[in-house]
């Protein structure tokens, strides 16, 4: 789940998270926070798992501070997003594409009229368009930024980059910093 820290008592080591789209607050203890470079703060966006405690109350476990580097990044394990892979639907689409191409060419050769291959050719183009533009989702919802190594969750920008074959993904802060460094159009 994703949420935001709404209260934090540093002296007692606990606080509360409000999950996205919900009004209830979820308790969490400092011991459930993964090794971050700093302590939690009010306003931090977090990714967490929820479980019930011995009294049946909801509490957060395995809390990750989004956009905050892990302590000792050289020794901590990075979360790597595996490259896009083909699945059964991709191979089925390829099979359909080949079959439609063969039917379309066969009709054109047999009749000599291009109109006879119009329907299978159109279906071929539609299947080709949808198979090339189908978006997949990474297996893991989290990744480590390639620049600062902060743990972040995938958003529309990183999923799009991943679908295009980019394996080096950047958190929102590093991406925005990179955008600010780029020269403005016409000011070269």
Protein backbone atom coordinates (compact mmCIF):
# COMPACT_ATOMS: atom_id res chain seq x y z
CA UNK A 1 0.00 0.00 0.00
CA UNK A 2 1.02 3.61 -0.42
CA UNK A 3 0.31 6.40 2.04
CA UNK A 4 1.56 9.49 3.83
CA UNK A 5 2.84 9.92 7.37
CA UNK A 6 0.38 12.22 9.18
CA UNK A 7 1.91 12.07 12.66
CA UNK A 8 5.24 11.02 14.11
CA UNK A 9 6.42 10.96 17.73
CA UNK A 10 10.19 10.77 17.48
CA UNK A 11 10.70 10.44 21.25
CA UNK A 12 8.40 7.40 21.39
CA UNK A 13 9.32 5.89 18.01
CA UNK A 14 5.86 5.54 16.47
CA UNK A 15 3.42 7.36 14.24
CA UNK A 16 0.44 7.04 11.94
CA UNK A 17 0.03 6.69 8.18
CA UNK A 18 -3.03 7.60 6.12
CA UNK A 19 -3.26 5.20 3.13
CA UNK A 20 -4.01 6.70 -0.30
CA UNK A 21 -7.73 7.00 -0.90
CA UNK A 22 -8.68 6.13 2.69
CA UNK A 23 -9.45 8.21 5.75
CA UNK A 24 -8.41 5.69 8.41
CA UNK A 25 -4.99 5.95 10.05
CA UNK A 26 -2.61 3.01 10.34
CA UNK A 27 -0.19 2.71 13.26
CA UNK A 28 3.52 2.02 12.61
CA UNK A 29 6.57 1.61 14.83
CA UNK A 30 10.15 2.63 14.05
CA UNK A 31 11.12 -1.07 14.05
CA UNK A 32 8.97 -1.61 10.93
CA UNK A 33 10.80 1.11 8.98
CA UNK A 34 13.36 -0.33 6.58
CA UNK A 35 16.90 0.99 7.00
CA UNK A 36 16.60 4.55 5.72
CA UNK A 37 19.26 7.26 5.78
CA UNK A 38 17.05 9.27 8.17
CA UNK A 39 14.12 8.90 10.53
CA UNK A 40 10.51 9.27 9.32
CA UNK A 41 8.98 12.75 9.16
CA UNK A 42 5.42 14.05 8.87
CA UNK A 43 4.56 14.36 5.17
CA UNK A 44 6.83 11.52 4.01
CA UNK A 45 5.27 9.31 1.35
CA UNK A 46 5.66 5.66 2.32
CA UNK A 47 5.07 2.23 0.87
CA UNK A 48 4.05 -0.38 3.39
CA UNK A 49 2.33 -3.66 4.04
CA UNK A 50 -0.58 -3.82 6.48
CA UNK A 51 -1.29 -6.53 9.05
CA UNK A 52 -3.46 -6.94 12.15
CA UNK A 53 -1.84 -6.87 15.60
CA UNK A 54 -2.72 -9.20 18.49
CA UNK A 55 -5.73 -7.02 19.35
CA UNK A 56 -7.08 -7.01 15.79
CA UNK A 57 -5.99 -3.42 15.00
CA UNK A 58 -4.41 -2.53 11.66
CA UNK A 59 -0.68 -1.76 11.75
CA UNK A 60 1.92 -1.06 9.08
CA UNK A 61 4.80 -3.45 8.54
CA UNK A 62 7.80 -3.24 6.19
CA UNK A 63 7.60 0.56 5.80
CA UNK A 64 9.76 2.13 3.07
CA UNK A 65 10.24 5.90 2.93
CA UNK A 66 9.75 6.73 -0.74
CA UNK A 67 12.49 8.89 -2.23
CA UNK A 68 14.79 8.46 0.78
CA UNK A 69 18.10 6.68 0.26
CA UNK A 70 18.77 3.52 2.19
CA UNK A 71 21.45 3.65 4.89
CA UNK A 72 24.80 2.35 3.60
CA UNK A 73 23.72 2.14 -0.05
CA UNK A 74 26.89 0.25 -0.98
CA UNK A 75 25.98 -2.62 1.33
CA UNK A 76 22.21 -2.57 0.97
CA UNK A 77 20.49 -4.60 -1.70
CA UNK A 78 19.24 -2.64 -4.69
CA UNK A 79 15.79 -3.29 -6.10
CA UNK A 80 16.35 -3.98 -9.79
CA UNK A 81 13.50 -4.01 -12.29
CA UNK A 82 13.81 -6.96 -14.67
CA UNK A 83 13.62 -6.11 -18.39
CA UNK A 84 10.36 -6.48 -20.30
CA UNK A 85 9.78 -10.07 -21.39
CA UNK A 86 7.45 -11.64 -23.91
CA UNK A 87 4.43 -13.52 -22.59
CA UNK A 88 1.86 -15.91 -24.08
CA UNK A 89 -0.28 -13.03 -25.39
CA UNK A 90 2.70 -11.63 -27.32
CA UNK A 91 3.39 -14.98 -28.99
CA UNK A 92 -0.31 -15.47 -29.76
CA UNK A 93 -0.41 -12.00 -31.39
CA UNK A 94 2.65 -12.89 -33.49
CA UNK A 95 0.97 -16.13 -34.60
CA UNK A 96 -2.20 -14.22 -35.59
CA UNK A 97 -0.12 -11.63 -37.44
CA UNK A 98 1.67 -14.29 -39.50
CA UNK A 99 -1.60 -16.11 -40.23
CA UNK A 100 -3.31 -12.89 -41.37
CA UNK A 101 -0.35 -11.95 -43.53
CA UNK A 102 -0.38 -15.38 -45.22
CA UNK A 103 -4.17 -15.21 -45.80
CA UNK A 104 -3.93 -11.67 -47.14
CA UNK A 105 -1.10 -12.49 -49.53
CA UNK A 106 -2.78 -15.75 -50.57
CA UNK A 107 -6.02 -13.94 -51.48
CA UNK A 108 -4.11 -11.28 -53.40
CA UNK A 109 -2.09 -13.86 -55.37
CA UNK A 110 -5.14 -16.08 -56.08
CA UNK A 111 -7.49 -13.29 -57.21
CA UNK A 112 -5.02 -10.65 -58.38
CA UNK A 113 -7.35 -8.04 -56.88
CA UNK A 114 -6.02 -5.95 -54.00
CA UNK A 115 -9.58 -5.51 -52.63
CA UNK A 116 -9.77 -9.21 -51.77
CA UNK A 117 -6.95 -8.85 -49.26
CA UNK A 118 -8.36 -5.64 -47.74
CA UNK A 119 -10.21 -7.23 -44.76
CA UNK A 120 -7.38 -9.54 -43.60
CA UNK A 121 -4.86 -6.74 -44.26
CA UNK A 122 -6.86 -4.31 -42.12
CA UNK A 123 -7.18 -6.85 -39.30
CA UNK A 124 -3.41 -7.44 -39.62
CA UNK A 125 -2.71 -3.72 -39.12
CA UNK A 126 -5.08 -3.48 -36.12
CA UNK A 127 -3.52 -6.51 -34.40
CA UNK A 128 -0.03 -5.15 -35.16
CA UNK A 129 -0.91 -1.73 -33.70
CA UNK A 130 -2.35 -3.16 -30.48
CA UNK A 131 0.43 -5.72 -29.98
CA UNK A 132 3.11 -3.04 -30.36
CA UNK A 133 1.34 -0.57 -28.03
CA UNK A 134 0.34 -2.96 -25.24
CA UNK A 135 1.68 -1.73 -21.89
CA UNK A 136 2.97 -4.24 -19.39
CA UNK A 137 3.59 -3.72 -15.67
CA UNK A 138 6.88 -4.55 -13.90
CA UNK A 139 6.72 -7.51 -11.50
CA UNK A 140 7.95 -5.44 -8.56
CA UNK A 141 6.15 -2.20 -7.72
CA UNK A 142 9.36 -0.74 -6.29
CA UNK A 143 12.75 0.09 -7.80
CA UNK A 144 16.01 1.68 -6.70
CA UNK A 145 16.87 4.93 -8.44
CA UNK A 146 19.88 4.48 -10.73
CA UNK A 147 21.35 7.78 -9.54
CA UNK A 148 20.64 8.24 -5.81
CA UNK A 149 19.58 4.63 -5.04
CA UNK A 150 16.44 5.85 -3.23
CA UNK A 151 13.60 3.34 -3.18
CA UNK A 152 10.63 4.57 -5.22
CA UNK A 153 7.44 3.08 -6.55
CA UNK A 154 6.80 2.86 -10.28
CA UNK A 155 4.63 5.60 -11.72
CA UNK A 156 3.33 6.21 -15.24
CA UNK A 157 6.65 7.76 -16.34
CA UNK A 158 8.85 4.87 -15.16
CA UNK A 159 6.45 2.20 -16.47
CA UNK A 160 6.46 3.89 -19.89
CA UNK A 161 10.28 4.06 -19.90
CA UNK A 162 10.47 0.41 -18.81
CA UNK A 163 8.08 -0.64 -21.61
CA UNK A 164 10.33 1.18 -24.08
CA UNK A 165 13.28 -0.93 -22.94
CA UNK A 166 15.05 1.44 -20.55
CA UNK A 167 16.57 -0.44 -17.61
CA UNK A 168 18.08 2.53 -15.78
CA UNK A 169 15.14 4.12 -13.98
CA UNK A 170 15.24 7.35 -11.95
CA UNK A 171 13.12 8.57 -9.03
CA UNK A 172 10.98 11.64 -9.53
CA UNK A 173 13.46 13.97 -7.77
CA UNK A 174 16.44 12.85 -9.89
CA UNK A 175 14.35 13.02 -13.08
CA UNK A 176 13.21 16.58 -12.27
CA UNK A 177 16.81 17.60 -11.50
CA UNK A 178 17.87 16.19 -14.88
CA UNK A 179 15.07 18.12 -16.62
CA UNK A 180 16.18 21.38 -14.97
CA UNK A 181 19.76 20.80 -16.23
CA UNK A 182 18.61 20.49 -19.85
CA UNK A 183 19.04 23.60 -22.03
CA UNK A 184 15.87 25.54 -22.81
CA UNK A 185 14.63 25.36 -26.42
CA UNK A 186 16.21 28.11 -28.51
CA UNK A 187 18.82 29.07 -25.88
CA UNK A 188 21.64 26.86 -27.10
